[in-house]
C-alpha cells in the first residue's frame, strides 16, 4: 500500500498540468450540476481537448449516455465515477512488466544479458529516458551497460556519455558516422563477456517515414538477435506526450515497422493533455510501460492504469 501511495503521489505531482485541464475542469463542470444530455456533451468536448482521442472518448461517452438513458446514472457524481471506471478499462489490466532474458539452455550457468532496444524520433526525450531507465534498473541492483548506436549525431553520443559517467555505468560507442549495427555487435559481445544484467541500446532519432533508417533499425535487431538468444527482449518506443496527435501517428507507424513491445511516454509533466496515454493505447494496442513525470533522474514511473487514472482525478 505504501508503494502504491508513493507512485500515486509522484504521478499526481507530475500530472499537475493535466489536472488543471481534466480534474479541476471536470469536477467544476460536473459536480453540483444536474446530470443531463447537455452535461455529457460538455464532458465529451473536454475529454477531446485533453487528447484522450476520438476513439476512446466515443467509447466512454457512448457508454455514459446509454447508462444515463437507462437510469443507471442519476447524479453528476455517478458520471464522474463512470468516467474513471471507463478510462481504467480502456487502459487495460495491471502494469506489464519488462521482459527479461532467460538462461541459455545450450550453455547452462552462463549469464545472458537482457537487451532493451530504445527507439523514437529526435527531441522525444529518448536519451534522458534511457538514463532514467538505467537509473531505475540500478536501483534494483542490476548492472547496466549502455550502447550509443546513434552514430549519426556526435551530440547524441556525447549526451549518452555524460549520463553514463553520472550513473557510473559502462558505455560502448563507435566512430561518428560508423555502422550502428557494428556498435550493437560490439556492445553485445562486451555485455556477455562482462556478465552485465541489462544492455540498453540507443538508436538514431529517426522519423517513421525515413525508410533507410527503419531498415537500419531492422539490421540492429538482426545483429542483436544473432549475438544474444531472444534479444532484443524489449523494443521500447519513446513518445513525447506534449505532441498529442503526432505521438499517436508515431506509435502507429513505429508499431508497423519496428516490432515495438512497449512505450515510454516522456514529458507527461509538461502537458495539460495527459489523456494522450489513453489515446495511444487505443490507437496502437502497444502497452505504455513507463511514464516520465518530471525532469529528475528519478522521475520515471512504471505505468499502472489504476494509479494513473486515480492521479488524473485526484484534486
Protein backbone atom coordinates (compact mmCIF):
# COMPACT_ATOMS: atom_id res chain seq x y z
CA UNK A 1 0.00 0.00 0.00
CA UNK A 2 2.86 2.37 0.84
CA UNK A 3 4.47 1.64 -2.54
CA UNK A 4 1.17 2.37 -4.32
CA UNK A 5 0.79 5.66 -2.45
CA UNK A 6 4.36 6.62 -3.36
CA UNK A 7 3.77 6.00 -7.07
CA UNK A 8 0.38 7.72 -6.91
CA UNK A 9 1.93 10.76 -5.25
CA UNK A 10 4.67 11.14 -7.86
CA UNK A 11 2.26 10.72 -10.74
CA UNK A 12 -0.13 13.21 -9.16
CA UNK A 13 2.70 15.72 -8.91
CA UNK A 14 3.76 15.11 -12.50
CA UNK A 15 0.20 15.39 -13.76
CA UNK A 16 -0.41 18.81 -12.23
CA UNK A 17 -0.89 20.36 -15.67
CA UNK A 18 -3.27 17.61 -16.71
CA UNK A 19 -5.36 18.08 -13.60
CA UNK A 20 -5.66 21.77 -14.36
CA UNK A 21 -7.50 20.71 -17.51
CA UNK A 22 -9.10 17.40 -16.59
CA UNK A 23 -9.56 17.21 -12.86
CA UNK A 24 -10.33 20.75 -11.84
CA UNK A 25 -12.15 21.33 -15.10
CA UNK A 26 -14.25 18.17 -14.99
CA UNK A 27 -15.02 18.41 -11.30
CA UNK A 28 -16.06 22.02 -11.66
CA UNK A 29 -18.07 21.14 -14.74
CA UNK A 30 -19.76 18.02 -13.37
CA UNK A 31 -20.17 18.15 -9.62
CA UNK A 32 -23.13 20.13 -8.35
CA UNK A 33 -24.77 20.15 -11.78
CA UNK A 34 -27.87 18.36 -12.88
CA UNK A 35 -26.96 15.27 -14.89
CA UNK A 36 -28.43 15.60 -18.37
CA UNK A 37 -27.54 15.16 -22.04
CA UNK A 38 -26.03 18.63 -22.26
CA UNK A 39 -23.61 17.92 -19.42
CA UNK A 40 -22.49 14.69 -21.08
CA UNK A 41 -21.91 16.61 -24.33
CA UNK A 42 -19.74 19.15 -22.48
CA UNK A 43 -17.72 16.37 -20.85
CA UNK A 44 -17.14 14.82 -24.29
CA UNK A 45 -15.65 18.09 -25.57
CA UNK A 46 -13.37 18.35 -22.53
CA UNK A 47 -12.05 14.80 -22.97
CA UNK A 48 -11.22 15.54 -26.60
CA UNK A 49 -9.39 18.70 -25.57
CA UNK A 50 -7.33 16.63 -23.13
CA UNK A 51 -6.14 14.43 -26.04
CA UNK A 52 -7.97 11.33 -24.83
CA UNK A 53 -8.64 10.74 -28.53
CA UNK A 54 -11.76 10.31 -30.63
CA UNK A 55 -11.99 6.52 -30.37
CA UNK A 56 -11.53 6.36 -26.60
CA UNK A 57 -13.75 9.37 -25.91
CA UNK A 58 -16.54 7.92 -28.07
CA UNK A 59 -16.42 4.62 -26.16
CA UNK A 60 -16.55 6.27 -22.74
CA UNK A 61 -19.20 8.85 -23.64
CA UNK A 62 -21.44 6.45 -25.57
CA UNK A 63 -21.40 4.14 -22.55
CA UNK A 64 -22.23 7.03 -20.23
CA UNK A 65 -25.13 8.14 -22.45
CA UNK A 66 -26.51 4.62 -22.60
CA UNK A 67 -26.35 4.21 -18.82
CA UNK A 68 -27.90 7.64 -18.26
CA UNK A 69 -30.80 6.88 -20.57
CA UNK A 70 -31.27 3.52 -18.86
CA UNK A 71 -31.46 5.24 -15.49
CA UNK A 72 -28.21 3.76 -14.19
CA UNK A 73 -26.56 7.19 -13.84
CA UNK A 74 -28.72 9.54 -11.82
CA UNK A 75 -26.40 12.15 -10.34
CA UNK A 76 -23.39 14.06 -11.60
CA UNK A 77 -21.13 12.15 -9.19
CA UNK A 78 -22.23 8.93 -10.89
CA UNK A 79 -20.96 10.31 -14.18
CA UNK A 80 -17.54 11.14 -12.70
CA UNK A 81 -17.23 7.60 -11.29
CA UNK A 82 -18.34 6.19 -14.64
CA UNK A 83 -15.61 8.14 -16.46
CA UNK A 84 -12.90 6.89 -14.13
CA UNK A 85 -14.03 3.28 -14.49
CA UNK A 86 -14.26 3.61 -18.27
CA UNK A 87 -10.77 5.04 -18.64
CA UNK A 88 -9.31 2.31 -16.42
CA UNK A 89 -10.97 -0.33 -18.56
CA UNK A 90 -9.66 1.20 -21.79
CA UNK A 91 -6.12 1.26 -20.41
CA UNK A 92 -6.24 -2.44 -19.69
CA UNK A 93 -5.11 -4.58 -16.78
CA UNK A 94 -2.16 -4.39 -14.41
CA UNK A 95 1.19 -2.92 -15.42
CA UNK A 96 3.02 -5.18 -17.88
CA UNK A 97 6.47 -5.92 -16.53
CA UNK A 98 9.55 -5.61 -18.72
CA UNK A 99 10.60 -8.87 -20.31
CA UNK A 100 13.88 -10.36 -19.16
CA UNK A 101 16.33 -12.81 -20.67
CA UNK A 102 16.17 -16.45 -19.70
CA UNK A 103 19.18 -18.71 -19.29
CA UNK A 104 20.54 -20.21 -22.49
CA UNK A 105 19.79 -23.97 -22.26
CA UNK A 106 22.76 -24.68 -24.52
CA UNK A 107 25.12 -23.00 -22.06
CA UNK A 108 23.96 -23.72 -18.51
CA UNK A 109 25.40 -21.36 -15.92
CA UNK A 110 26.15 -18.66 -18.50
CA UNK A 111 24.61 -15.28 -17.74
CA UNK A 112 22.51 -13.95 -20.61
CA UNK A 113 22.12 -10.17 -20.67
CA UNK A 114 18.67 -8.71 -21.08
CA UNK A 115 18.67 -6.36 -24.08
CA UNK A 116 16.41 -3.33 -24.43
CA UNK A 117 16.36 -1.52 -27.76
CA UNK A 118 15.19 2.10 -27.46
CA UNK A 119 13.83 3.99 -30.45
CA UNK A 120 11.97 7.22 -31.20
CA UNK A 121 12.40 10.49 -33.06
CA UNK A 122 14.85 13.21 -32.10
CA UNK A 123 13.53 15.51 -29.41
CA UNK A 124 11.13 12.98 -27.88
CA UNK A 125 13.25 12.62 -24.74
CA UNK A 126 14.85 9.33 -25.77
CA UNK A 127 18.33 9.79 -24.28
CA UNK A 128 17.01 11.14 -20.99
CA UNK A 129 14.52 8.27 -20.80
CA UNK A 130 17.36 5.81 -21.32
CA UNK A 131 19.24 7.40 -18.41
CA UNK A 132 16.13 7.25 -16.22
CA UNK A 133 15.56 3.60 -17.13
CA UNK A 134 19.20 2.76 -16.38
CA UNK A 135 18.89 4.51 -13.03
CA UNK A 136 15.72 2.57 -12.20
CA UNK A 137 17.39 -0.75 -13.07
CA UNK A 138 20.47 0.08 -10.98
CA UNK A 139 18.21 0.73 -8.02
CA UNK A 140 17.06 -2.88 -8.50
CA UNK A 141 20.71 -3.91 -8.04
CA UNK A 142 21.17 -4.74 -11.69
CA UNK A 143 24.35 -3.99 -13.61
CA UNK A 144 23.70 -1.91 -16.72
CA UNK A 145 25.63 -1.18 -19.90
CA UNK A 146 24.69 1.46 -22.47
CA UNK A 147 25.41 1.39 -26.21
CA UNK A 148 25.48 4.55 -28.34
CA UNK A 149 24.15 3.22 -31.65
CA UNK A 150 23.15 6.70 -32.82
CA UNK A 151 26.39 7.24 -34.70
CA UNK A 152 24.92 9.93 -36.94
CA UNK A 153 24.95 12.70 -34.31
CA UNK A 154 28.02 13.40 -32.22
CA UNK A 155 25.84 15.27 -29.77
CA UNK A 156 23.75 12.17 -29.12
CA UNK A 157 26.83 10.10 -28.27
CA UNK A 158 28.21 12.81 -26.01
CA UNK A 159 24.90 13.16 -24.20
CA UNK A 160 24.83 9.43 -23.51
CA UNK A 161 28.48 9.58 -22.37
CA UNK A 162 27.61 12.25 -19.81
CA UNK A 163 24.73 10.17 -18.44
CA UNK A 164 26.91 7.03 -18.31
CA UNK A 165 29.51 8.92 -16.29
CA UNK A 166 26.89 10.29 -13.88
CA UNK A 167 25.30 6.89 -13.37
CA UNK A 168 28.57 5.00 -13.15
CA UNK A 169 27.73 2.57 -15.95
CA UNK A 170 29.77 1.38 -18.90
CA UNK A 171 29.22 2.78 -22.39
CA UNK A 172 30.08 1.20 -25.73
CA UNK A 173 30.39 3.60 -28.66
CA UNK A 174 31.83 3.69 -32.17
CA UNK A 175 33.14 6.19 -34.68
CA UNK A 176 30.87 9.03 -35.70
CA UNK A 177 29.19 8.10 -38.96
CA UNK A 178 30.07 4.43 -38.45
CA UNK A 179 27.76 1.44 -38.74
CA UNK A 180 25.25 1.46 -35.85
CA UNK A 181 24.85 -2.30 -36.16
CA UNK A 182 28.60 -2.70 -35.57
CA UNK A 183 28.27 -0.79 -32.30
CA UNK A 184 25.39 -3.06 -31.31
CA UNK A 185 27.54 -6.11 -32.16
CA UNK A 186 30.44 -4.85 -30.00
CA UNK A 187 28.08 -3.97 -27.17
CA UNK A 188 26.52 -7.43 -27.16
CA UNK A 189 29.97 -9.02 -27.06
CA UNK A 190 31.03 -6.78 -24.19
CA UNK A 191 27.82 -7.35 -22.24
CA UNK A 192 28.21 -11.12 -22.47
CA UNK A 193 31.93 -11.05 -21.65
CA UNK A 194 31.45 -8.83 -18.59
CA UNK A 195 28.33 -10.55 -17.36
CA UNK A 196 26.13 -7.45 -17.13
CA UNK A 197 22.46 -7.86 -16.35
CA UNK A 198 20.99 -5.35 -18.82
CA UNK A 199 22.23 -3.83 -22.07
CA UNK A 200 20.35 -0.75 -23.30
CA UNK A 201 20.84 0.23 -26.94
CA UNK A 202 20.21 3.80 -28.07
CA UNK A 203 19.33 4.19 -31.75
CA UNK A 204 19.33 7.09 -34.18
CA UNK A 205 16.46 9.52 -33.79
CA UNK A 206 14.51 8.59 -36.84
CA UNK A 207 11.30 9.65 -38.48
CA UNK A 208 8.99 6.73 -39.16
CA UNK A 209 8.77 7.85 -42.80
CA UNK A 210 12.51 7.52 -43.39
CA UNK A 211 12.74 4.04 -44.86
CA UNK A 212 16.59 3.72 -44.86
CA UNK A 213 16.68 4.47 -41.15
CA UNK A 214 13.96 1.94 -40.50
CA UNK A 215 15.99 -0.66 -42.38
CA UNK A 216 19.00 0.27 -40.23
CA UNK A 217 16.91 -0.38 -37.13
CA UNK A 218 15.99 -3.77 -38.57
CA UNK A 219 19.68 -4.52 -39.13
CA UNK A 220 20.47 -3.69 -35.49
CA UNK A 221 17.70 -6.03 -34.35
CA UNK A 222 19.04 -8.81 -36.54
CA UNK A 223 22.61 -8.42 -35.25
CA UNK A 224 21.46 -8.38 -31.63
CA UNK A 225 19.30 -11.49 -32.15
CA UNK A 226 22.26 -13.41 -33.56
CA UNK A 227 24.56 -12.46 -30.69
CA UNK A 228 22.16 -13.00 -27.77
CA UNK A 229 19.34 -15.54 -27.78
CA UNK A 230 15.91 -13.92 -27.62
CA UNK A 231 17.24 -10.37 -27.94
CA UNK A 232 16.09 -7.67 -28.07
CA UNK A 233 13.84 -8.67 -25.21
CA UNK A 234 12.00 -5.36 -25.45
CA UNK A 235 11.83 -2.68 -28.14
CA UNK A 236 10.66 0.47 -26.37
CA UNK A 237 9.38 3.49 -28.26
CA UNK A 238 9.84 6.86 -26.56
CA UNK A 239 7.00 9.28 -27.30
CA UNK A 240 6.72 12.93 -26.30
CA UNK A 241 3.38 13.36 -24.52
CA UNK A 242 3.29 17.06 -25.41
CA UNK A 243 2.95 16.29 -29.13
CA UNK A 244 -0.56 14.88 -28.80
CA UNK A 245 -1.83 13.54 -32.12
CA UNK A 246 1.72 13.36 -33.53
CA UNK A 247 2.54 10.88 -30.78
CA UNK A 248 -0.38 8.75 -31.93
CA UNK A 249 0.86 8.69 -35.51
CA UNK A 250 4.38 7.78 -34.39
CA UNK A 251 3.04 4.90 -32.28
CA UNK A 252 1.06 3.58 -35.22
CA UNK A 253 3.93 3.83 -37.73
CA UNK A 254 6.70 2.54 -35.47
CA UNK A 255 4.40 -0.31 -34.49
CA UNK A 256 4.27 -1.37 -38.14
CA UNK A 257 8.00 -1.36 -38.79
CA UNK A 258 9.91 -1.74 -35.54
CA UNK A 259 8.13 -4.54 -33.63
CA UNK A 260 7.59 -2.20 -30.70
CA UNK A 261 6.71 -4.05 -27.48
CA UNK A 262 6.19 -1.10 -25.16
CA UNK A 263 6.05 2.68 -24.90
CA UNK A 264 7.84 5.14 -22.64
CA UNK A 265 5.67 8.25 -22.56
CA UNK A 266 8.05 11.11 -21.78
CA UNK A 267 7.37 14.71 -20.71
CA UNK A 268 3.98 13.90 -19.25
CA UNK A 269 4.60 16.59 -16.65
CA UNK A 270 4.86 19.24 -19.34
CA UNK A 271 1.43 18.80 -20.88
CA UNK A 272 -2.11 19.58 -19.87
CA UNK A 273 -3.20 16.74 -22.14
CA UNK A 274 -2.33 13.60 -20.19
CA UNK A 275 -5.24 11.84 -21.84
CA UNK A 276 -2.84 11.01 -24.66
CA UNK A 277 -1.94 7.90 -22.63
CA UNK A 278 -5.43 6.57 -23.30
CA UNK A 279 -5.35 7.62 -26.95
CA UNK A 280 -2.01 5.91 -27.61
CA UNK A 281 -3.23 2.64 -26.10
CA UNK A 282 -6.41 2.75 -28.20
CA UNK A 283 -4.63 3.67 -31.43
CA UNK A 284 -1.75 1.21 -31.29
CA UNK A 285 -2.59 -1.51 -28.74
CA UNK A 286 1.03 -1.12 -27.61
CA UNK A 287 1.20 -1.03 -23.80
CA UNK A 288 2.55 2.07 -22.09
CA UNK A 289 5.18 0.64 -19.73
CA UNK A 290 6.68 3.81 -18.24
CA UNK A 291 5.75 7.47 -17.89
CA UNK A 292 8.15 10.36 -17.41
CA UNK A 293 6.63 12.64 -14.78
CA UNK A 294 9.42 15.16 -14.19
CA UNK A 295 12.93 16.28 -15.07
CA UNK A 296 14.75 14.47 -12.25
CA UNK A 297 16.64 11.24 -12.94
CA UNK A 298 14.19 9.53 -10.57
CA UNK A 299 11.09 10.74 -12.43
CA UNK A 300 10.34 7.62 -14.44
CA UNK A 301 7.45 5.55 -13.11
CA UNK A 302 6.21 2.10 -14.10
CA UNK A 303 2.82 2.67 -15.66
CA UNK A 304 -0.19 1.31 -13.81
CA UNK A 305 -3.63 2.13 -15.25
CA UNK A 306 -5.48 2.34 -11.94
CA UNK A 307 -2.97 4.59 -10.20
CA UNK A 308 -2.68 6.74 -13.32
CA UNK A 309 -6.42 7.37 -13.60
CA UNK A 310 -6.71 8.00 -9.87
CA UNK A 311 -3.88 10.51 -10.15
CA UNK A 312 -5.65 12.27 -13.03
CA UNK A 313 -8.79 12.70 -10.97
CA UNK A 314 -7.30 13.47 -7.58
CA UNK A 315 -7.92 17.05 -6.53
